[in-house]
Amino acid sequence: MLVSFDNAIDDAINETVIALQQAFTADFFTGFIETVPAYSSLAVFYDAVAIRKYHPGETTAFDFVKKHTERLMAGLVDTVTENEKELITVPVYYNGDDLDEVAGQHKISVEELVHIHAEKIYRVFMIGFQPGFAYMGKLDERIATARKASPRTMVPAGSVGIAGFQTGIYPFSSPGGWQLIGQTPSKIFDKEQTTPCLFKAGDYIKFISISKEEFEQSNEH
């Protein structure tokens, strides 16, 4: 089931999505599997067979989940507040292949582009595309840039890119069409860790510019 609040990149809407996700975690039902947050919607996964077995009173499993969700949403009306911000700093060596092109599009210097990108604190709106790929925003309109017309066949792991009003990091090497402006030495996703993903929806990220030497000394990829 998909609970959709709007179709926008908006902090307040995403905060409500995360609040509903947390409400499901605190008050789940037999047959509940998981919730997956996006920018402005929450996907609810459930086992219809288990619901029909343990909650036989409803017409359908969907009806049961819908009523449960509506009850949780009603409880959010007066309780939704900004979640406690967890600020995660991410080092970036700004050496991306698209730096000059992006700076040229906006008629600014590369140094100014780097400053604008690194000075802002970004919200993690959702995880998707790859395990650990965090969609962050909103990017300063002075450097908002469309995806590349023709995606690259391979983007190195750790690459930092921008696309529209979003910025993000490729956890793994893969094809991709975002404008590449740098690379982080930090490993974003590690399946061997208890918490494999460095980010979660609702976190806040601050990029820190580092030198080539610092990057090479701490590169985990």
Foldseek 3Di string as FASTA:
>chain_A
DKAFDDPDQDPLQLLLQVQLQVLCVVDPDFFWDHWFFARRMIDTDGHQVRCCVPPVPDPGSVVVVVVVSVVSSVVVPPPRDQPDADEDEFEWAFDFPCLVVLCVVLVHDSVVVVCQQQVDKWFFSGDDPDVQKTKIFQRDPSRFDAWAPDWDQWDAFQWWFHHGRTITGHLHIGIDGGGTGTGTLDRQADPVDPHGGPDHGSYMYGYDYDHPVVSVVRRPD
